Structure formats: structure tokens, C-alpha cells
């Protein structure tokens, strides 16, 4: 097959070079792929990465919204939204104590993020 564009030299393309014969379709289960993508989306935000670092390095290993708003210079609703997204993705654990919710890093969730990249080492 030849491909030409006006004024460009002819380039011969062998179709067998453009396709992988007998490709083994080893797919991640679709539900698992969507869950993993959700985790990556949750962590792929600069503010959320900062929050993870702040919580991880907290002397007690946990923080509430009021602790984070001052450091981040964001209002409480914004910080709460980020915390909710990360908790729903399994990156943070949450514990209600009275009127406050305390967040800590979910190390199992972070380990799962690492495993996502380990999938490509096979």
C-alpha cells in the first residue's frame, strides 16, 4: 500500500508492520480498571498531593479540616471536597469524633496505587 500527500515523497507501508498479530488480550477487568482510574484521578491533583503529604507528616498521622485550611490557605468547603474525593477513592481513612472528622492516610489505598504501576512490569 502506498500513501501519498501532495508534494511529499511516496512512503510504502507494509500493513503487517502496523498490526500486532496474535495479540493476547490480557485486559484488566473493566470494573477494576474504572476503580483504579478513579484512584489515579483522585491523587492526580496538586492540592490533594499536598493534603496527603500534610496528613502523612502530621505528628499524630491524622488531621481534620480545620488543621488543613490554614496550611493550604483554602476555605473549609474546598478542603472538605478534596478530602471527600480522596476518602471515596480509598486514599484516606476517616473517623468522626463528635462534630469533627479526622483523616489519616490509608496505606492500603496508597499501596494499591503503587500496584497499578506494577501491572506494567510484567
N, C-alpha and C. Protein backbone atom coordinates (compact mmCIF):
# COMPACT_ATOMS: atom_id res chain seq x y z
N UNK A 1 0.85 -1.17 0.00
CA UNK A 1 0.00 0.00 0.00
C UNK A 1 0.89 1.23 0.00
N UNK A 2 0.56 2.24 -0.75
CA UNK A 2 1.33 3.47 -0.81
C UNK A 2 0.48 4.63 -0.31
N UNK A 3 1.11 5.48 0.47
CA UNK A 3 0.43 6.67 0.97
C UNK A 3 1.13 7.87 0.38
N UNK A 4 0.37 8.77 -0.23
CA UNK A 4 0.99 9.96 -0.79
C UNK A 4 0.24 11.19 -0.32
N UNK A 5 0.98 12.24 -0.16
CA UNK A 5 0.38 13.54 0.09
C UNK A 5 0.97 14.47 -0.94
N UNK A 6 0.25 15.49 -1.30
CA UNK A 6 0.69 16.40 -2.34
C UNK A 6 2.05 16.99 -2.00
N UNK A 7 3.01 16.82 -2.87
CA UNK A 7 4.33 17.39 -2.68
C UNK A 7 5.24 16.56 -1.79
N UNK A 8 4.75 15.46 -1.21
CA UNK A 8 5.57 14.62 -0.33
C UNK A 8 5.97 13.36 -1.07
N UNK A 9 7.12 12.80 -0.72
CA UNK A 9 7.54 11.57 -1.38
C UNK A 9 6.61 10.42 -1.00
N UNK A 10 6.55 9.42 -1.87
CA UNK A 10 5.74 8.24 -1.59
C UNK A 10 6.39 7.43 -0.48
N UNK A 11 5.55 6.94 0.42
CA UNK A 11 6.02 6.09 1.52
C UNK A 11 5.27 4.78 1.43
N UNK A 12 6.01 3.70 1.37
CA UNK A 12 5.38 2.39 1.33
C UNK A 12 5.19 1.90 2.76
N UNK A 13 3.98 1.47 3.10
CA UNK A 13 3.68 0.97 4.43
C UNK A 13 3.21 -0.47 4.29
N UNK A 14 3.91 -1.36 4.93
CA UNK A 14 3.52 -2.76 4.94
C UNK A 14 2.53 -2.94 6.08
N UNK A 15 1.32 -3.37 5.78
CA UNK A 15 0.28 -3.48 6.80
C UNK A 15 0.66 -4.44 7.91
N UNK A 16 1.50 -5.41 7.65
CA UNK A 16 1.88 -6.35 8.71
C UNK A 16 2.76 -5.67 9.75
N UNK A 17 3.38 -4.52 9.42
CA UNK A 17 4.18 -3.78 10.39
C UNK A 17 3.33 -2.92 11.31
N UNK A 18 2.08 -2.67 10.93
CA UNK A 18 1.26 -1.76 11.71
C UNK A 18 0.33 -2.48 12.69
N UNK A 19 0.24 -3.79 12.60
CA UNK A 19 -0.64 -4.55 13.49
C UNK A 19 0.17 -5.62 14.21
N UNK A 20 -0.24 -5.92 15.41
CA UNK A 20 0.43 -6.97 16.16
C UNK A 20 -0.36 -8.26 15.97
N UNK A 21 0.21 -9.20 15.23
CA UNK A 21 -0.51 -10.46 15.01
C UNK A 21 -0.61 -11.25 16.30
N UNK A 22 -1.76 -11.85 16.50
CA UNK A 22 -1.99 -12.73 17.64
C UNK A 22 -1.78 -12.03 18.98
N UNK A 23 -2.24 -10.79 19.06
CA UNK A 23 -2.14 -10.04 20.31
C UNK A 23 -2.96 -10.74 21.38
N UNK A 24 -2.33 -11.05 22.50
CA UNK A 24 -3.04 -11.66 23.62
C UNK A 24 -3.78 -10.55 24.36
N UNK A 25 -5.06 -10.63 24.40
CA UNK A 25 -5.88 -9.58 25.03
C UNK A 25 -6.00 -9.84 26.53
N UNK A 26 -4.96 -9.52 27.26
CA UNK A 26 -4.96 -9.66 28.71
C UNK A 26 -5.42 -8.34 29.31
N UNK A 27 -6.71 -8.16 29.39
CA UNK A 27 -7.27 -6.92 29.87
C UNK A 27 -7.49 -6.96 31.38
N UNK A 28 -7.40 -5.79 31.99
CA UNK A 28 -7.85 -5.64 33.37
C UNK A 28 -9.37 -5.66 33.31
N UNK A 29 -10.00 -6.32 34.25
CA UNK A 29 -11.44 -6.31 34.35
C UNK A 29 -11.94 -4.86 34.28
N UNK A 30 -12.99 -4.60 33.54
CA UNK A 30 -13.46 -3.22 33.32
C UNK A 30 -13.79 -2.50 34.63
N UNK A 31 -14.47 -3.17 35.55
CA UNK A 31 -14.80 -2.54 36.83
C UNK A 31 -13.54 -2.20 37.61
N UNK A 32 -12.56 -3.09 37.57
CA UNK A 32 -11.30 -2.84 38.26
C UNK A 32 -10.56 -1.68 37.60
N UNK A 33 -10.57 -1.63 36.28
CA UNK A 33 -9.92 -0.54 35.56
C UNK A 33 -10.57 0.80 35.91
N UNK A 34 -11.89 0.83 36.02
CA UNK A 34 -12.58 2.07 36.39
C UNK A 34 -12.24 2.47 37.83
N UNK A 35 -12.15 1.51 38.73
CA UNK A 35 -11.81 1.81 40.12
C UNK A 35 -10.38 2.35 40.21
N UNK A 36 -9.46 1.72 39.50
CA UNK A 36 -8.08 2.18 39.50
C UNK A 36 -7.95 3.56 38.88
N UNK A 37 -8.67 3.80 37.81
CA UNK A 37 -8.65 5.13 37.18
C UNK A 37 -9.18 6.19 38.14
N UNK A 38 -10.20 5.84 38.91
CA UNK A 38 -10.73 6.77 39.91
C UNK A 38 -9.70 7.12 40.97
N UNK A 39 -8.92 6.13 41.39
CA UNK A 39 -7.85 6.39 42.37
C UNK A 39 -6.80 7.32 41.77
N UNK A 40 -6.42 7.07 40.54
CA UNK A 40 -5.41 7.91 39.90
C UNK A 40 -5.92 9.34 39.71
N UNK A 41 -7.19 9.48 39.33
CA UNK A 41 -7.76 10.82 39.18
C UNK A 41 -7.78 11.55 40.52
N UNK A 42 -8.08 10.81 41.59
CA UNK A 42 -8.15 11.43 42.91
C UNK A 42 -6.79 11.90 43.39
N UNK A 43 -5.76 11.20 43.03
CA UNK A 43 -4.42 11.56 43.52
C UNK A 43 -3.71 12.52 42.57
N UNK A 44 -4.20 12.65 41.34
CA UNK A 44 -3.54 13.48 40.33
C UNK A 44 -3.99 14.93 40.40
N UNK A 45 -3.91 15.50 41.56
CA UNK A 45 -4.29 16.89 41.78
C UNK A 45 -3.28 17.49 42.74
N UNK A 46 -2.70 18.63 42.41
CA UNK A 46 -1.66 19.21 43.28
C UNK A 46 -2.11 19.44 44.72
N UNK A 47 -3.33 19.94 44.90
CA UNK A 47 -3.82 20.19 46.25
C UNK A 47 -3.97 18.88 47.02
N UNK A 48 -4.45 17.85 46.36
CA UNK A 48 -4.63 16.56 47.03
C UNK A 48 -3.29 15.93 47.40
N UNK A 49 -2.31 16.10 46.54
CA UNK A 49 -0.98 15.61 46.89
C UNK A 49 -0.43 16.36 48.11
N UNK A 50 -0.69 17.67 48.17
CA UNK A 50 -0.26 18.44 49.33
C UNK A 50 -0.98 17.97 50.59
N UNK A 51 -2.26 17.70 50.48
CA UNK A 51 -3.03 17.20 51.63
C UNK A 51 -2.49 15.87 52.11
N UNK A 52 -2.22 14.97 51.18
CA UNK A 52 -1.65 13.67 51.57
C UNK A 52 -0.35 13.85 52.34
N UNK A 53 0.50 14.73 51.84
CA UNK A 53 1.79 14.97 52.49
C UNK A 53 1.59 15.58 53.88
N UNK A 54 0.68 16.54 54.00
CA UNK A 54 0.43 17.17 55.30
C UNK A 54 -0.07 16.15 56.32
N UNK A 55 -1.00 15.32 55.90
CA UNK A 55 -1.54 14.32 56.82
C UNK A 55 -0.48 13.28 57.17
N UNK A 56 0.24 12.83 56.18
CA UNK A 56 1.27 11.82 56.39
C UNK A 56 2.34 12.31 57.37
N UNK A 57 2.68 13.58 57.28
CA UNK A 57 3.75 14.12 58.12
C UNK A 57 3.25 14.75 59.41
N UNK A 58 1.96 14.68 59.64
CA UNK A 58 1.39 15.20 60.88
C UNK A 58 1.96 14.40 62.06
N UNK A 59 2.25 15.05 63.19
CA UNK A 59 2.81 14.33 64.34
C UNK A 59 1.95 13.14 64.79
N UNK A 60 0.63 13.25 64.61
CA UNK A 60 -0.26 12.16 65.02
C UNK A 60 -0.67 11.27 63.85
N UNK A 61 -0.26 11.64 62.62
CA UNK A 61 -0.63 10.87 61.44
C UNK A 61 -2.07 11.09 61.01
N UNK A 62 -2.67 12.16 61.51
CA UNK A 62 -4.05 12.47 61.14
C UNK A 62 -4.26 13.98 61.21
N UNK A 63 -5.35 14.42 60.58
CA UNK A 63 -5.67 15.85 60.60
C UNK A 63 -7.17 16.00 60.34
N UNK A 64 -7.70 17.13 60.79
CA UNK A 64 -9.08 17.47 60.46
C UNK A 64 -9.04 18.68 59.54
N UNK A 65 -10.19 19.02 58.99
CA UNK A 65 -10.27 20.12 58.02
C UNK A 65 -9.68 21.40 58.60
N UNK A 66 -9.99 21.67 59.87
CA UNK A 66 -9.52 22.93 60.46
C UNK A 66 -7.99 23.00 60.49
N UNK A 67 -7.32 21.85 60.60
CA UNK A 67 -5.86 21.82 60.57
C UNK A 67 -5.33 22.15 59.18
N UNK A 68 -6.03 21.72 58.16
CA UNK A 68 -5.55 21.82 56.79
C UNK A 68 -5.85 23.15 56.12
N UNK A 69 -6.95 23.79 56.49
CA UNK A 69 -7.33 25.04 55.82
C UNK A 69 -6.27 26.11 55.97
N UNK A 70 -5.69 26.20 57.15
CA UNK A 70 -4.67 27.22 57.40
C UNK A 70 -3.41 26.97 56.57
N UNK A 71 -2.96 25.74 56.55
CA UNK A 71 -1.74 25.40 55.79
C UNK A 71 -1.94 25.62 54.29
N UNK A 72 -3.09 25.23 53.79
CA UNK A 72 -3.35 25.30 52.35
C UNK A 72 -3.83 26.67 51.89
N UNK A 73 -4.29 27.47 52.84
CA UNK A 73 -4.85 28.78 52.53
C UNK A 73 -6.08 28.66 51.62
N UNK A 74 -6.90 27.64 51.91
CA UNK A 74 -8.18 27.42 51.24
C UNK A 74 -9.29 27.46 52.27
N UNK A 75 -10.49 27.73 51.81
CA UNK A 75 -11.64 27.71 52.71
C UNK A 75 -12.04 26.27 53.02
N UNK A 76 -12.76 26.10 54.10
CA UNK A 76 -13.16 24.78 54.58
C UNK A 76 -13.92 23.97 53.52
N UNK A 77 -14.88 24.53 52.79
CA UNK A 77 -15.60 23.71 51.80
C UNK A 77 -14.68 23.12 50.72
N UNK A 78 -13.70 23.89 50.31
CA UNK A 78 -12.76 23.40 49.28
C UNK A 78 -11.94 22.24 49.82
N UNK A 79 -11.40 22.39 51.02
CA UNK A 79 -10.59 21.32 51.62
C UNK A 79 -11.47 20.10 51.87
N UNK A 80 -12.67 20.30 52.36
CA UNK A 80 -13.59 19.18 52.61
C UNK A 80 -13.89 18.41 51.33
N UNK A 81 -14.05 19.12 50.24
CA UNK A 81 -14.30 18.46 48.96
C UNK A 81 -13.13 17.56 48.58
N UNK A 82 -11.91 18.08 48.68
CA UNK A 82 -10.73 17.28 48.35
C UNK A 82 -10.61 16.07 49.26
N UNK A 83 -10.87 16.25 50.54
CA UNK A 83 -10.80 15.13 51.48
C UNK A 83 -11.84 14.07 51.14
N UNK A 84 -13.04 14.50 50.78
CA UNK A 84 -14.10 13.57 50.42
C UNK A 84 -13.71 12.75 49.19
N UNK A 85 -13.18 13.40 48.18
CA UNK A 85 -12.76 12.71 46.95
C UNK A 85 -11.70 11.65 47.27
N UNK A 86 -10.73 12.03 48.09
CA UNK A 86 -9.66 11.08 48.41
C UNK A 86 -10.16 9.95 49.30
N UNK A 87 -11.06 10.23 50.21
CA UNK A 87 -11.62 9.18 51.05
C UNK A 87 -12.45 8.20 50.22
N UNK A 88 -13.25 8.72 49.31
CA UNK A 88 -14.07 7.85 48.46
C UNK A 88 -13.21 7.00 47.53
N UNK A 89 -12.04 7.49 47.17
CA UNK A 89 -11.12 6.74 46.31
C UNK A 89 -10.30 5.72 47.10
N UNK A 90 -10.41 5.76 48.43
CA UNK A 90 -9.67 4.81 49.26
C UNK A 90 -8.27 5.25 49.62
N UNK A 91 -7.97 6.54 49.42
CA UNK A 91 -6.64 7.05 49.73
C UNK A 91 -6.54 7.56 51.17
N UNK A 92 -7.67 7.93 51.75
CA UNK A 92 -7.71 8.40 53.13
C UNK A 92 -8.75 7.60 53.91
N UNK A 93 -8.48 7.43 55.18
CA UNK A 93 -9.47 6.87 56.10
C UNK A 93 -10.05 8.02 56.90
N UNK A 94 -11.28 7.90 57.32
CA UNK A 94 -11.92 8.97 58.08
C UNK A 94 -12.57 8.41 59.33
N UNK A 95 -12.52 9.22 60.38
CA UNK A 95 -13.12 8.82 61.65
C UNK A 95 -13.81 10.04 62.26
N UNK A 96 -15.10 9.90 62.50
CA UNK A 96 -15.86 11.00 63.11
C UNK A 96 -15.67 10.96 64.62
N UNK A 97 -15.33 12.12 65.18
CA UNK A 97 -15.20 12.29 66.62
C UNK A 97 -16.00 13.53 67.00
N UNK A 98 -17.18 13.32 67.52
CA UNK A 98 -18.05 14.45 67.83
C UNK A 98 -18.46 15.15 66.55
N UNK A 99 -18.20 16.44 66.47
CA UNK A 99 -18.58 17.21 65.27
C UNK A 99 -17.47 17.24 64.22
N UNK A 100 -16.30 16.74 64.56
CA UNK A 100 -15.15 16.79 63.65
C UNK A 100 -14.89 15.42 63.03
N UNK A 101 -14.37 15.45 61.81
CA UNK A 101 -13.93 14.22 61.13
C UNK A 101 -12.42 14.30 60.99
N UNK A 102 -11.76 13.25 61.42
CA UNK A 102 -10.30 13.17 61.34
C UNK A 102 -9.92 12.24 60.20
N UNK A 103 -8.92 12.66 59.45
CA UNK A 103 -8.47 11.91 58.27
C UNK A 103 -7.05 11.41 58.50
N UNK A 104 -6.80 10.19 58.03
CA UNK A 104 -5.46 9.63 58.06
C UNK A 104 -5.21 8.95 56.71
N UNK A 105 -3.95 8.77 56.40
CA UNK A 105 -3.59 8.14 55.12
C UNK A 105 -3.96 6.66 55.18
N UNK A 106 -4.65 6.21 54.16
CA UNK A 106 -4.98 4.79 54.03
C UNK A 106 -3.83 4.14 53.27
N UNK A 107 -2.94 3.50 54.00
CA UNK A 107 -1.75 2.93 53.36
C UNK A 107 -2.09 1.78 52.41
N UNK A 108 -3.20 1.09 52.66
CA UNK A 108 -3.63 0.06 51.71
C UNK A 108 -4.01 0.69 50.38
N UNK A 109 -4.66 1.85 50.44
CA UNK A 109 -5.02 2.56 49.21
C UNK A 109 -3.80 3.03 48.45
N UNK A 110 -2.83 3.58 49.17
CA UNK A 110 -1.59 4.02 48.50
C UNK A 110 -0.83 2.84 47.93
N UNK A 111 -0.87 1.73 48.64
CA UNK A 111 -0.21 0.52 48.13
C UNK A 111 -0.88 0.08 46.82
N UNK A 112 -2.20 0.24 46.75
CA UNK A 112 -2.94 -0.12 45.54
C UNK A 112 -2.53 0.78 44.37
N UNK A 113 -2.30 2.06 44.64
CA UNK A 113 -1.83 2.97 43.59
C UNK A 113 -0.48 2.49 43.06
N UNK A 114 0.40 2.10 43.96
CA UNK A 114 1.70 1.57 43.54
C UNK A 114 1.53 0.32 42.69
N UNK A 115 0.60 -0.54 43.08
CA UNK A 115 0.36 -1.78 42.32
C UNK A 115 -0.13 -1.50 40.91
N UNK A 116 -0.79 -0.36 40.72
CA UNK A 116 -1.26 -0.01 39.37
C UNK A 116 -0.06 0.04 38.44
N UNK A 117 1.01 0.67 38.90
CA UNK A 117 2.20 0.79 38.06
C UNK A 117 2.97 -0.51 37.98
N UNK A 118 2.84 -1.35 38.98
CA UNK A 118 3.47 -2.67 38.94
C UNK A 118 2.85 -3.56 37.88
N UNK A 119 1.61 -3.26 37.48
CA UNK A 119 0.96 -4.03 36.43
C UNK A 119 1.76 -4.01 35.13
N UNK A 120 2.49 -2.91 34.92
CA UNK A 120 3.22 -2.74 33.67
C UNK A 120 4.62 -3.33 33.71
N UNK A 121 5.01 -3.89 34.85
CA UNK A 121 6.32 -4.51 34.98
C UNK A 121 6.34 -5.95 34.49
N UNK A 122 5.17 -6.52 34.26
CA UNK A 122 5.10 -7.94 33.86
C UNK A 122 5.65 -8.19 32.49
